[in-house]
Amino acid sequence: EDSLQMWDLNKRLEAYLARVKFLEEENEVLQAEIQSAKGNPAGDSWRAKYEEELRALRDALDCAFREKCTAELARDNLYEEVQQVKSRCQKEQAAREEAKKQLSLSRKELEEERRAQIWLKERAVQLEKEVETLLEVHEEEKAGLDQEIASFSQSLESFRCAPVAFQPVEVEDYSKRLSEIWKGAVETYKTEVSQLEGSLCQAKENLWKAVEDNQQSQLQLQRLEKDLAGLKARKEMLEETLARQWQEQRGEAEKFQLAMETLEQEKQSLRVQIAQVLEDRQQLMHLKMSLSLEVATYRTLLEAESTRLQMPAG
């Protein structure tokens, strides 16, 4: 039984020793790999490369941040320009409304001048008709007075008395008064006609001035409309540029975000790999320690057994 137990123990010891030797060799290989990885410039180059890539990505991130700040400043500037353009458009719109009001007032004044001109023309025609009527009445009255004077002179000739005693003094005074009244009326009508003609000329001048003001207002309105169209086109162009820059900035930000996420994933995967390697190494160390303890135990048993076997022979 002792021989069989020893033989079994020897077999198990050989198996354990072989396993320990294999694990020691594997441990040595791993240690050599770790040492080579620590002292290998390729590892340093890989680490340097990783650090260089990380540095480049940080520089790219800083550059993107600076570009973002620049784009924000450009956006703020464009917003200020748009606000200025809006205020200018509002001012031009107010000027346009004012021009429209002035144009409507000019049109009203023009209509009033036209109406006044028409009324003056009608008044002039009416006065001309009244003057013609007065002239006809005057001619009729003059003809009647001539007839009365002729009939009166004939009746005077029929008398036998001296003609000197019967001179028509009252008739001559009457005719002089009528002629003076007629001259005064004619002068009055001439004065009124001249005043009406002056008013007509003034109305024509006001009409021409209103027409010129209307033309100038129309030209100014056309210029304002052209400026407004140009400002609208510039506003649309600025808005399109701002939208395009905003889209480009958003796309670049998304690209940098994806790159950062990719780097973060690679970092996490490297951490997991390093943790896995450390865990495997820890397991190997525990296994090595357990095997060392078991070998030491078997060596103690073997030494004790060899001592026990040598004692009877001694």
Foldseek 3Di string as FASTA:
>chain_A
DVVVVVVVLVVVLVVLVVVLVVLVVVVVVVVVVVVCCVVPVVVVVVVVVVVVVVVVLVVVVVVLVVVVVVLVVVLVVLVVVLVVLVVVLVVLVVVLVVLVVVLVVLVVVLVVLVVVLVVLVVVLVVLVVVVVVVVVVVVVVVVVLVVVVVVVVVVLVPDPDDSVVPDPPVSVVVVVVVVVVVVVVVVVSVVVSVVSVVVNVVSVVSNVVSVVSNVVSVVVSVVSVVVSVVSVVVSVVSVVVSVVSVVVSVVVVVVSVVVVVVVVVVVVVVVVVVVVVVVVVVVSVVVSVVSVVVSVVSVVVVVVVVVVVVVVVD
